[in-house]
């Protein structure tokens, strides 16, 4: 969605999308770190 907005030069809510993307990234990062910690001896 963010890419499409950039291509069409319609960036009204880009900051909101970037903020949401960063939050989701942090959640995935935390989940992956927890999974890796389970696998380490």
Protein backbone atom coordinates (compact mmCIF):
# COMPACT_ATOMS: atom_id res chain seq x y z
CA UNK A 1 0.00 0.00 0.00
CA UNK A 2 2.78 2.44 0.88
CA UNK A 3 4.53 1.72 -2.41
CA UNK A 4 1.34 2.37 -4.36
CA UNK A 5 0.85 5.68 -2.57
CA UNK A 6 4.39 6.73 -3.40
CA UNK A 7 3.96 5.88 -7.06
CA UNK A 8 0.77 7.93 -7.23
CA UNK A 9 2.24 10.80 -5.14
CA UNK A 10 -0.59 10.48 -2.60
CA UNK A 11 1.21 10.39 0.72
CA UNK A 12 -1.49 11.76 3.05
CA UNK A 13 -1.35 8.97 5.65
CA UNK A 14 2.19 7.72 5.03
CA UNK A 15 3.41 8.50 8.54
CA UNK A 16 0.56 6.46 10.00
CA UNK A 17 1.37 3.53 7.73
CA UNK A 18 5.08 3.71 8.56
CA UNK A 19 4.29 3.79 12.27
CA UNK A 20 2.03 0.74 11.92
CA UNK A 21 4.68 -1.06 9.87
CA UNK A 22 7.32 -0.39 12.51
CA UNK A 23 5.05 -1.71 15.28
CA UNK A 24 4.36 -4.88 13.31
CA UNK A 25 8.08 -5.30 12.61
CA UNK A 26 8.87 -5.07 16.32
CA UNK A 27 6.21 -7.70 17.12
CA UNK A 28 7.61 -10.10 14.53
CA UNK A 29 11.16 -9.46 15.68
CA UNK A 30 10.23 -10.23 19.29
CA UNK A 31 8.39 -13.40 18.29
CA UNK A 32 11.34 -14.63 16.23
CA UNK A 33 13.79 -13.89 19.03
CA UNK A 34 11.61 -15.91 21.42
CA UNK A 35 11.51 -18.83 18.99
CA UNK A 36 15.28 -18.74 18.56
CA UNK A 37 15.76 -18.68 22.33
CA UNK A 38 13.67 -21.87 22.62
CA UNK A 39 15.92 -23.68 20.14
CA UNK A 40 19.23 -22.78 21.76
CA UNK A 41 20.59 -25.33 24.25
